[in-house]
Amino acid sequence: MPQLDTSTWLTMILSMFLTLFIIFQLKISKHNFYHNPKLTPAKMSKQNTPWETKWTKIYLPLLLPL
């Protein structure tokens, strides 16, 4: 059974990584990115709910001693 020749594997792997790097750089360079994105503040309307202003009975059993 012949022995597997692995002497060219390092060259092939390094050339593959170099090729992938170049391909990805070319793909990324073709994208158009916005230079100065402007933030638009969202208006949050405050809704008045009855449980925000008064104490509710939900918390009462937690505060009582056992």
C-alpha atoms as a PDB file:
ATOM      1  CA  MET A   1       0.000   0.000   0.000  1.00  0.00           C
ATOM      2  CA  PRO A   2       1.588   3.325  -0.994  1.00  0.00           C
ATOM      3  CA  GLN A   3       2.213   5.988   1.597  1.00  0.00           C
ATOM      4  CA  LEU A   4       0.178   9.194   1.414  1.00  0.00           C
ATOM      5  CA  ASP A   5       2.244  12.148   0.298  1.00  0.00           C
ATOM      6  CA  THR A   6       1.464  15.087   2.613  1.00  0.00           C
ATOM      7  CA  SER A   7       4.289  17.386   1.550  1.00  0.00           C
ATOM      8  CA  THR A   8       2.004  19.705  -0.461  1.00  0.00           C
ATOM      9  CA  TRP A   9      -0.770  19.973   2.111  1.00  0.00           C
ATOM     10  CA  LEU A  10       0.674  23.018   3.843  1.00  0.00           C
ATOM     11  CA  THR A  11       0.972  24.853   0.543  1.00  0.00           C
ATOM     12  CA  MET A  12      -2.575  23.957  -0.422  1.00  0.00           C
ATOM     13  CA  ILE A  13      -4.043  24.992   2.945  1.00  0.00           C
ATOM     14  CA  LEU A  14      -2.190  28.309   2.993  1.00  0.00           C
ATOM     15  CA  SER A  15      -3.164  29.097  -0.574  1.00  0.00           C
ATOM     16  CA  MET A  16      -6.779  28.231   0.234  1.00  0.00           C
ATOM     17  CA  PHE A  17      -6.804  30.642   3.203  1.00  0.00           C
ATOM     18  CA  LEU A  18      -5.208  33.356   1.124  1.00  0.00           C
ATOM     19  CA  THR A  19      -7.764  32.867  -1.647  1.00  0.00           C
ATOM     20  CA  LEU A  20     -10.677  32.923   0.799  1.00  0.00           C
ATOM     21  CA  PHE A  21      -9.323  36.065   2.424  1.00  0.00           C
ATOM     22  CA  ILE A  22      -9.036  37.817  -0.933  1.00  0.00           C
ATOM     23  CA  ILE A  23     -12.530  36.719  -1.993  1.00  0.00           C
ATOM     24  CA  PHE A  24     -14.102  37.954   1.232  1.00  0.00           C
ATOM     25  CA  GLN A  25     -12.236  41.242   1.026  1.00  0.00           C
ATOM     26  CA  LEU A  26     -13.550  41.770  -2.484  1.00  0.00           C
ATOM     27  CA  LYS A  27     -17.087  40.892  -1.434  1.00  0.00           C
ATOM     28  CA  ILE A  28     -16.998  43.238   1.552  1.00  0.00           C
ATOM     29  CA  SER A  29     -15.490  46.088  -0.460  1.00  0.00           C
ATOM     30  CA  LYS A  30     -18.468  46.081  -2.844  1.00  0.00           C
ATOM     31  CA  HIS A  31     -20.952  46.947  -0.069  1.00  0.00           C
ATOM     32  CA  ASN A  32     -22.093  50.531   0.370  1.00  0.00           C
ATOM     33  CA  PHE A  33     -22.156  51.569   4.006  1.00  0.00           C
ATOM     34  CA  TYR A  34     -23.731  54.758   5.278  1.00  0.00           C
ATOM     35  CA  HIS A  35     -21.101  57.054   6.738  1.00  0.00           C
ATOM     36  CA  ASN A  36     -23.202  59.115   9.170  1.00  0.00           C
ATOM     37  CA  PRO A  37     -26.375  57.371  10.276  1.00  0.00           C
ATOM     38  CA  LYS A  38     -28.793  59.784  11.913  1.00  0.00           C
ATOM     39  CA  LEU A  39     -30.578  58.742  15.055  1.00  0.00           C
ATOM     40  CA  THR A  40     -34.295  59.395  15.062  1.00  0.00           C
ATOM     41  CA  PRO A  41     -35.653  59.655  18.580  1.00  0.00           C
ATOM     42  CA  ALA A  42     -38.792  57.617  19.077  1.00  0.00           C
ATOM     43  CA  LYS A  43     -41.637  59.379  20.829  1.00  0.00           C
ATOM     44  CA  MET A  44     -42.753  57.392  23.824  1.00  0.00           C
ATOM     45  CA  SER A  45     -46.214  58.314  24.995  1.00  0.00           C
ATOM     46  CA  LYS A  46     -46.772  57.880  28.724  1.00  0.00           C
ATOM     47  CA  GLN A  47     -49.875  55.877  29.462  1.00  0.00           C
ATOM     48  CA  ASN A  48     -51.465  56.452  32.831  1.00  0.00           C
ATOM     49  CA  THR A  49     -52.337  53.163  34.463  1.00  0.00           C
ATOM     50  CA  PRO A  50     -54.111  52.928  37.793  1.00  0.00           C
ATOM     51  CA  TRP A  51     -51.521  50.617  39.364  1.00  0.00           C
ATOM     52  CA  GLU A  52     -48.661  53.055  38.872  1.00  0.00           C
ATOM     53  CA  THR A  53     -50.010  55.674  41.255  1.00  0.00           C
ATOM     54  CA  LYS A  54     -51.531  53.618  44.065  1.00  0.00           C
ATOM     55  CA  TRP A  55     -50.495  50.717  46.231  1.00  0.00           C
ATOM     56  CA  THR A  56     -52.121  47.439  45.261  1.00  0.00           C
ATOM     57  CA  LYS A  57     -53.149  44.486  47.363  1.00  0.00           C
ATOM     58  CA  ILE A  58     -50.949  42.082  45.401  1.00  0.00           C
ATOM     59  CA  TYR A  59     -47.972  42.883  47.602  1.00  0.00           C
ATOM     60  CA  LEU A  60     -49.831  42.466  50.886  1.00  0.00           C
ATOM     61  CA  PRO A  61     -49.370  38.668  51.362  1.00  0.00           C
ATOM     62  CA  LEU A  62     -45.655  38.942  50.725  1.00  0.00           C
ATOM     63  CA  LEU A  63     -45.157  41.470  53.507  1.00  0.00           C
ATOM     64  CA  LEU A  64     -47.143  39.673  56.208  1.00  0.00           C
ATOM     65  CA  PRO A  65     -45.279  37.444  58.675  1.00  0.00           C
ATOM     66  CA  LEU A  66     -46.043  33.743  58.474  1.00  0.00           C
END
